[in-house]
Each structure stands twice: as C-alpha cells, then as structure tokens.
Protein backbone atom coordinates (compact mmCIF):
# COMPACT_ATOMS: atom_id res chain seq x y z
CA MET A 1 -66.68 -140.09 88.52
CA ILE A 2 -64.85 -138.54 85.56
CA GLU A 3 -65.03 -141.86 83.71
CA SER A 4 -68.74 -142.14 84.46
CA LYS A 5 -69.39 -138.63 83.10
CA GLY A 6 -67.31 -139.44 80.03
CA LYS A 7 -69.38 -142.55 79.36
CA LYS A 8 -72.59 -140.54 79.69
CA ILE A 9 -71.34 -137.96 77.20
CA TRP A 10 -70.41 -140.68 74.70
CA LYS A 11 -73.81 -142.31 75.15
CA ILE A 12 -75.54 -139.00 74.46
CA LEU A 13 -73.39 -138.42 71.38
CA PHE A 14 -73.96 -141.95 70.11
CA ARG A 15 -77.71 -142.09 70.74
CA ARG A 16 -78.73 -138.54 69.80
CA VAL A 17 -76.03 -136.76 67.81
CA LEU A 18 -74.80 -139.57 65.54
CA PRO A 19 -78.24 -140.44 64.05
CA LEU A 20 -78.88 -136.75 63.42
CA VAL A 21 -75.50 -136.39 61.71
CA VAL A 22 -76.21 -139.44 59.52
CA THR A 23 -79.61 -137.99 58.56
CA VAL A 24 -78.18 -134.56 57.70
CA VAL A 25 -75.31 -136.04 55.66
CA LEU A 26 -77.69 -138.23 53.65
CA TYR A 27 -80.01 -135.31 52.91
CA TRP A 28 -77.03 -133.17 51.88
CA PHE A 29 -75.92 -136.01 49.60
CA LEU A 30 -79.37 -136.08 47.95
CA LEU A 31 -79.89 -132.34 47.58
CA ASP A 32 -76.37 -131.90 46.21
CA ARG A 33 -77.28 -134.14 43.26
CA VAL A 34 -80.50 -132.47 42.15
CA ASP A 35 -81.48 -129.21 40.50
CA LEU A 36 -83.54 -127.36 43.11
CA GLU A 37 -85.57 -125.51 40.45
CA LYS A 38 -86.53 -128.80 38.81
CA LEU A 39 -87.31 -130.26 42.23
CA LEU A 40 -89.72 -127.39 42.98
CA MET A 41 -91.24 -127.79 39.52
CA ALA A 42 -91.88 -131.47 40.23
CA PHE A 43 -93.77 -130.51 43.39
CA GLN A 44 -95.73 -127.83 41.55
CA THR A 45 -96.92 -130.25 38.86
CA THR A 46 -98.12 -132.80 41.40
CA ARG A 47 -101.74 -133.85 40.93
CA PHE A 48 -103.85 -133.37 44.04
CA LEU A 49 -106.48 -136.14 43.74
CA PRO A 50 -104.06 -139.13 43.78
CA LEU A 51 -102.41 -137.59 46.88
CA VAL A 52 -105.79 -137.48 48.64
CA VAL A 53 -106.39 -141.13 47.74
CA ALA A 54 -102.90 -142.01 49.02
CA PHE A 55 -103.59 -140.23 52.30
CA ILE A 56 -106.93 -142.02 52.82
CA ILE A 57 -105.31 -145.39 52.11
CA SER A 58 -102.48 -144.58 54.50
CA VAL A 59 -104.94 -143.78 57.30
CA LEU A 60 -106.97 -146.92 56.63
CA PHE A 61 -104.03 -149.33 56.56
CA GLN A 62 -101.43 -147.67 58.79
CA VAL A 63 -103.75 -146.37 61.50
CA ILE A 64 -106.98 -148.37 61.63
CA ILE A 65 -105.75 -151.83 60.61
CA SER A 66 -102.48 -151.31 62.48
CA ALA A 67 -104.32 -150.33 65.67
CA GLU A 68 -106.75 -153.26 65.42
CA LYS A 69 -103.81 -155.63 64.97
CA TYR A 70 -102.03 -154.20 68.01
CA GLY A 71 -105.22 -154.35 70.06
CA TYR A 72 -105.60 -158.04 69.22
CA ILE A 73 -102.00 -158.69 70.29
CA LEU A 74 -102.63 -156.94 73.62
CA LYS A 75 -105.90 -158.72 74.31
CA THR A 76 -104.43 -162.14 73.54
CA SER A 77 -101.69 -161.22 76.01
CA GLY A 78 -104.32 -160.83 78.72
CA ILE A 79 -103.93 -157.05 79.00
CA PRO A 80 -107.38 -155.50 79.72
CA ILE A 81 -107.06 -152.49 77.46
CA SER A 82 -110.00 -150.72 75.82
CA ARG A 83 -110.25 -149.99 72.09
CA LYS A 84 -110.11 -146.24 72.78
CA GLU A 85 -106.90 -146.63 74.75
CA PHE A 86 -105.02 -148.91 72.34
CA TYR A 87 -105.96 -146.57 69.47
CA ALA A 88 -104.57 -143.63 71.46
CA LEU A 89 -101.43 -145.63 72.33
CA LYS A 90 -100.91 -146.71 68.73
CA ILE A 91 -101.38 -143.21 67.32
CA ALA A 92 -99.18 -141.66 70.01
CA GLU A 93 -96.31 -143.96 69.02
CA PHE A 94 -95.92 -142.29 65.61
CA PRO A 95 -93.99 -139.17 66.74
CA PHE A 96 -91.84 -141.33 69.07
CA LYS A 97 -91.27 -143.94 66.39
CA PHE A 98 -90.52 -141.78 63.35
CA LEU A 99 -88.77 -138.82 64.95
CA SER A 100 -86.51 -140.61 67.44
CA PRO A 101 -82.92 -141.76 66.86
CA PHE A 102 -82.02 -145.44 66.51
CA ARG A 103 -85.74 -146.39 66.63
CA THR A 104 -85.76 -145.85 70.41
CA GLY A 105 -89.38 -144.71 70.08
CA GLU A 106 -90.33 -148.39 69.85
CA LEU A 107 -89.83 -148.59 73.62
CA MET A 108 -92.63 -146.10 74.36
CA LYS A 109 -95.45 -148.66 74.24
CA PRO A 110 -93.74 -151.26 76.49
CA PHE A 111 -92.96 -148.62 79.13
CA TYR A 112 -96.57 -147.42 79.04
CA LEU A 113 -97.99 -150.94 79.39
CA LYS A 114 -95.60 -151.83 82.20
CA ARG A 115 -96.51 -148.76 84.24
CA LYS A 116 -100.22 -148.62 83.45
CA TYR A 117 -101.04 -152.32 83.86
CA ASN A 118 -98.32 -153.35 86.31
CA ILE A 119 -96.96 -156.13 84.10
CA THR A 120 -93.37 -157.24 83.59
CA PHE A 121 -91.31 -155.34 81.06
CA ARG A 122 -90.59 -158.65 79.32
CA LYS A 123 -94.28 -159.21 78.71
CA ALA A 124 -94.80 -155.58 77.66
CA ILE A 125 -91.94 -155.55 75.16
CA SER A 126 -93.00 -158.96 73.86
CA THR A 127 -96.13 -157.41 72.33
CA SER A 128 -94.07 -154.86 70.39
CA PHE A 129 -91.45 -157.41 69.36
CA VAL A 130 -94.06 -159.72 67.84
CA GLU A 131 -95.48 -156.82 65.84
CA LEU A 132 -92.07 -155.73 64.53
CA TYR A 133 -90.90 -159.28 63.89
CA LEU A 134 -93.95 -160.23 61.81
CA ALA A 135 -93.69 -156.93 59.89
CA LEU A 136 -90.09 -157.81 59.00
CA VAL A 137 -91.15 -161.29 57.87
CA ALA A 138 -93.95 -159.75 55.75
CA VAL A 139 -91.55 -157.36 54.01
CA VAL A 140 -89.07 -160.19 53.35
CA VAL A 141 -91.91 -162.31 51.92
CA PHE A 142 -93.06 -159.53 49.60
CA ALA A 143 -89.48 -158.78 48.54
CA GLY A 144 -88.80 -162.41 47.63
CA ILE A 145 -92.05 -162.93 45.74
CA PHE A 146 -92.20 -159.71 43.76
CA LEU A 147 -88.49 -159.43 42.97
CA SER A 148 -88.69 -162.98 41.56
CA ILE A 149 -91.64 -161.93 39.39
CA MET A 150 -89.92 -158.73 38.26
CA GLU A 151 -86.61 -160.35 37.39
CA HIS A 152 -88.15 -163.61 36.09
CA ASN A 153 -85.65 -165.36 38.32
CA PRO A 154 -86.62 -167.77 41.16
CA ILE A 155 -83.41 -167.05 43.07
CA PHE A 156 -85.14 -164.36 45.19
CA LEU A 157 -87.99 -166.74 46.03
CA LEU A 158 -85.55 -169.49 46.96
CA LEU A 159 -83.63 -167.03 49.13
CA LEU A 160 -86.91 -166.00 50.78
CA ILE A 161 -87.88 -169.59 51.56
CA THR A 162 -84.42 -170.24 53.00
CA VAL A 163 -84.47 -167.16 55.24
CA VAL A 164 -88.00 -167.79 56.55
CA THR A 165 -87.71 -171.55 57.15
CA VAL A 166 -84.11 -171.74 58.33
CA ILE A 167 -83.77 -168.50 60.31
CA LEU A 168 -86.99 -166.62 61.09
CA ILE A 169 -89.44 -169.37 62.04
CA PRO A 170 -86.98 -171.36 64.24
CA LEU A 171 -85.88 -168.12 65.93
CA ILE A 172 -89.38 -167.02 66.95
CA LYS A 173 -90.31 -170.51 68.22
CA ARG A 174 -87.12 -170.71 70.25
CA LEU A 175 -87.76 -167.32 71.84
CA PHE A 176 -91.28 -168.37 72.85
CA ARG A 177 -90.26 -171.78 74.17
CA ARG A 178 -87.51 -170.27 76.31
CA LYS A 179 -89.97 -167.70 77.70
CA LEU A 180 -87.85 -164.85 76.35
CA LEU A 181 -91.13 -163.77 74.79
CA THR A 182 -94.37 -164.16 76.72
CA TRP A 183 -97.03 -163.23 74.16
CA LEU A 184 -99.70 -165.97 74.29
CA ASP A 185 -97.70 -167.58 77.14
CA PHE A 186 -96.77 -170.39 74.76
CA ASP A 187 -97.19 -173.71 76.54
CA GLY A 188 -96.93 -176.20 73.68
CA THR A 189 -100.49 -175.86 72.37
CA GLU A 190 -99.35 -175.65 68.75
CA GLU A 191 -102.82 -175.23 67.18
CA ILE A 192 -103.83 -172.19 69.27
CA PHE A 193 -100.37 -170.68 68.93
CA THR A 194 -100.31 -171.17 65.14
CA TYR A 195 -103.85 -169.83 64.63
CA LYS A 196 -103.24 -166.60 66.53
CA VAL A 197 -99.86 -165.97 64.92
CA ILE A 198 -101.31 -166.57 61.44
CA TYR A 199 -104.23 -164.20 62.16
CA VAL A 200 -101.87 -161.41 63.25
CA PHE A 201 -99.57 -162.13 60.31
CA ILE A 202 -102.47 -161.74 57.85
CA LEU A 203 -103.24 -158.33 59.37
CA VAL A 204 -99.55 -157.44 59.05
CA LEU A 205 -99.53 -158.48 55.38
CA ILE A 206 -102.58 -156.31 54.70
CA GLN A 207 -101.03 -153.36 56.52
CA VAL A 208 -97.70 -153.65 54.69
CA TYR A 209 -99.36 -153.98 51.30
CA GLY A 210 -101.31 -150.83 52.10
CA THR A 211 -97.94 -149.06 52.14
CA TYR A 212 -97.28 -150.21 48.58
CA ILE A 213 -100.70 -148.98 47.42
CA THR A 214 -100.07 -145.62 49.09
CA PHE A 215 -96.73 -145.35 47.29
CA TYR A 216 -98.41 -146.27 44.00
CA PHE A 217 -100.88 -143.37 44.20
CA ILE A 218 -98.15 -140.93 45.20
CA ALA A 219 -96.20 -142.02 42.13
CA ARG A 220 -99.33 -141.50 40.03
CA SER A 221 -99.64 -137.95 41.39
CA LEU A 222 -96.19 -137.26 39.89
CA SER A 223 -97.11 -139.02 36.61
CA LEU A 224 -94.50 -141.73 37.25
CA GLU A 225 -95.43 -144.98 35.52
CA MET A 226 -94.70 -148.02 37.67
CA SER A 227 -96.74 -151.12 38.47
CA LEU A 228 -97.75 -152.42 41.88
CA ILE A 229 -95.54 -155.46 41.28
CA GLN A 230 -92.50 -153.26 40.69
CA ILE A 231 -93.35 -151.11 43.70
CA SER A 232 -93.93 -154.15 45.92
CA GLY A 233 -90.54 -155.61 45.06
CA LEU A 234 -88.41 -152.48 45.21
CA LEU A 235 -90.18 -150.74 48.09
CA SER A 236 -89.77 -153.90 50.19
CA VAL A 237 -86.01 -153.48 49.84
CA VAL A 238 -86.35 -149.78 50.71
CA MET A 239 -88.30 -150.69 53.86
CA ILE A 240 -85.65 -153.20 54.93
CA PHE A 241 -82.90 -150.58 54.58
CA SER A 242 -84.91 -147.83 56.30
CA ALA A 243 -85.59 -150.16 59.26
CA LEU A 244 -81.87 -150.14 60.07
CA PRO A 245 -81.38 -148.06 63.24
CA ILE A 246 -78.75 -145.68 61.86
CA SER A 247 -80.68 -142.42 61.38
CA VAL A 248 -83.59 -140.47 62.83
CA GLY A 249 -86.71 -142.49 62.01
CA GLY A 250 -85.13 -143.91 58.86
CA MET A 251 -85.01 -140.42 57.31
CA GLY A 252 -82.31 -140.02 54.71
CA VAL A 253 -81.82 -143.77 54.37
CA ARG A 254 -85.36 -144.12 52.98
CA GLU A 255 -84.95 -141.31 50.46
CA VAL A 256 -81.52 -142.46 49.26
CA ALA A 257 -82.83 -146.02 48.79
CA ILE A 258 -85.85 -144.80 46.80
CA CYS A 259 -83.72 -142.61 44.54
CA LYS A 260 -81.24 -145.43 43.87
CA LEU A 261 -83.66 -148.33 43.41
CA PHE A 262 -86.32 -146.52 41.35
CA THR A 263 -83.85 -144.73 39.10
CA GLU A 264 -85.32 -146.18 35.87
CA PHE A 265 -88.73 -144.62 36.53
CA GLY A 266 -87.86 -140.92 36.62
CA THR A 267 -85.31 -138.17 37.06
CA ASN A 268 -83.49 -137.52 40.33
CA GLU A 269 -85.80 -134.58 40.99
CA GLN A 270 -88.96 -136.62 40.40
CA LEU A 271 -87.75 -139.48 42.58
CA LEU A 272 -86.71 -137.17 45.40
CA SER A 273 -90.15 -135.53 45.19
CA LEU A 274 -91.67 -139.00 45.37
CA ALA A 275 -89.57 -139.86 48.42
CA PHE A 276 -90.45 -136.60 50.20
CA LEU A 277 -94.19 -136.95 49.50
CA PHE A 278 -94.10 -140.57 50.67
CA PHE A 279 -92.45 -139.47 53.90
CA ILE A 280 -94.94 -136.64 54.44
CA ILE A 281 -98.09 -138.70 53.77
CA ASN A 282 -97.07 -142.02 55.25
CA PHE A 283 -94.98 -140.82 58.19
CA LEU A 284 -94.90 -137.11 59.01
CA VAL A 285 -98.67 -136.49 59.01
CA ARG A 286 -99.22 -139.44 61.35
CA ALA A 287 -96.41 -138.21 63.61
CA LEU A 288 -97.98 -134.75 63.86
CA VAL A 289 -101.44 -136.18 64.61
CA GLY A 290 -99.87 -138.46 67.21
CA LEU A 291 -98.69 -135.40 69.14
CA ILE A 292 -102.31 -134.95 70.25
CA PHE A 293 -102.09 -138.17 72.30
CA VAL A 294 -98.50 -137.85 73.52
CA ASN A 295 -99.47 -136.06 76.72
CA ARG A 296 -101.84 -138.90 77.71
CA VAL A 297 -99.21 -141.55 77.09
CA VAL A 298 -96.43 -139.67 78.88
CA LYS A 299 -98.68 -139.29 81.93
CA GLY A 300 -99.40 -143.01 81.80
CA ILE A 301 -95.66 -143.75 81.77
CA LEU A 302 -94.90 -141.34 84.62
CA TRP A 303 -97.87 -142.00 86.88
CA GLY A 304 -98.98 -145.48 85.89
CA LYS A 305 -102.44 -146.43 87.09
CA LYS A 306 -103.20 -142.92 88.36
CA GLU A 307 -103.82 -141.82 84.76
CA ASP A 308 -107.27 -142.87 83.47
C-alpha cells in the first residue's frame, strides 16, 4: 500500500509538477536575459492592424480549416457526428491541448468519442493520431524545403526525403496494416486509402502554412523584416521543438526556440515580444474561447450518450 501511494505521488509529480517546473525555468531564463523596459517598449510600439490580420488568419486556418479536416477524418471513420458537434469538440480541445502538461490534452477527443459513440478507444485515438502524424509530416516537409532554399543547400531536402520515405511512410502503413490504427479500416484498397490520406494531408498543409502567415503578420506588427520563406523554414523547426512533451503546452520551449533561431532579425526584447504575441494570438485566445465548450465535452465524457 505504501509503495502504491509512493508510485502515485511520483506519477503526480512527473505528470503535473515537472512540466510546470520546466516551463517556469525556461521563462525565467528568457526574462533574465532581456531589459524589461525595452520589452514593454516593444509591446507599446506594436502596430494594431497587422495583429488584427494575424488574428483573422489564425481563426480561418487554425479553427475553421482545422475543424473541417477533423470532421472529414471522423466521417471517413464512420462516426455519425454533426458539423456543429465536431466544431464544438475541436474548439474545446484548445484549452486541454495548450494548457495541459506533456500534451495530455490530446486524449480529450478520443475519450469523448469513445463515450459518446460507444466505439473502441483504439478507433477513437486513431482519428487523433492521424491528425497529429500528418501535421508532423507537414512540418518536416516545410522545414526541409524552406531551409534548403534559405541555405542554398540541398542537404535539408535530401534529409527530408530520407525521413519521409524511409521512416514516416513505412511506419504509418505498417500501423494501418496491423490494425493498430483503424481509421479508414484499411483493407488493402490502396487507391481509396491513398486518396483520402492525400486529401487530409492537403488540408493539414494549408492549416500549417496558415501558422506561418499568422507569424509573418505578427512580425510585421513589430516592424521586423523577415520573409515568408525564412519564417517557413525557421518556424518549422520551432514547431518541432515545441511539440516535444516536456512543458505545459509547449510554453517556454516555443519562446526559447524563437529567440534563438530568429536572432538575426531583431533584439532579444523584440523577439520575445514576437514570441509572446504569437502565443497569445495563435494559442491563448483559442484556449480561452474553447472554455465555452469545455462543459459540453466534459459532460459527454462523463455521461456518454446521455449528453445531446
């Protein structure tokens, strides 16, 4: 009994306290290296109109296109979910996803689908895995292409081709064939399987590139001169690092990566302002709006089909 309680305490510390500690340490590291007066001045000189444009683009790509993509994944999985419901589910995931340690918020949607539609957890989590997997592939693709263009060196493109063809594509096919993933219930019909995966992947590419455009307009609001090609290459690397489950919603990791990788484009204070504004517009606002739908989703998880 004592050993069991000890394990529970360590699990709580590992899952909840450690990510918070990592986040706090990284923010302390950042703030310790900037002049707070200059940081506030950078915020004060921010232009409002580019921020509005960035916010609109973020909503269009990260909410609307993202929700439509997820709805398509659910419907091709045979889950009879309405547009209103998958929009609510997608928006409600934001506070879970961005404000939870070790990306545990990703499990919210599978739990909801399992309880609400009485499907296996394997099938439910398969829909989320496909979404995350293709998003990772999209970021790797953009990183390889645009870093090669930036550096005038094909090594990044060759590395990209190697990773995608040798690791990512064989892995996803193996998971489907072994029924570890059940999206589309892959039965060897290569043409249907390929068409649907490509369609979802195109939506993922559009959604991810919307993130780069959002970042571009935020940079413009701070009068930071950088091209979309430069942003697409460097921000792809930032997104790969921030996806690592070591902090709360990637916070701290994302800001440190931005400040280190974009160092040639501005001062520490300007880059930290850029990182904070990117977090607020592309993550925090969506998380706060998502709180409106959290109650509905939590009821669906707890009571299953009883919740309409």
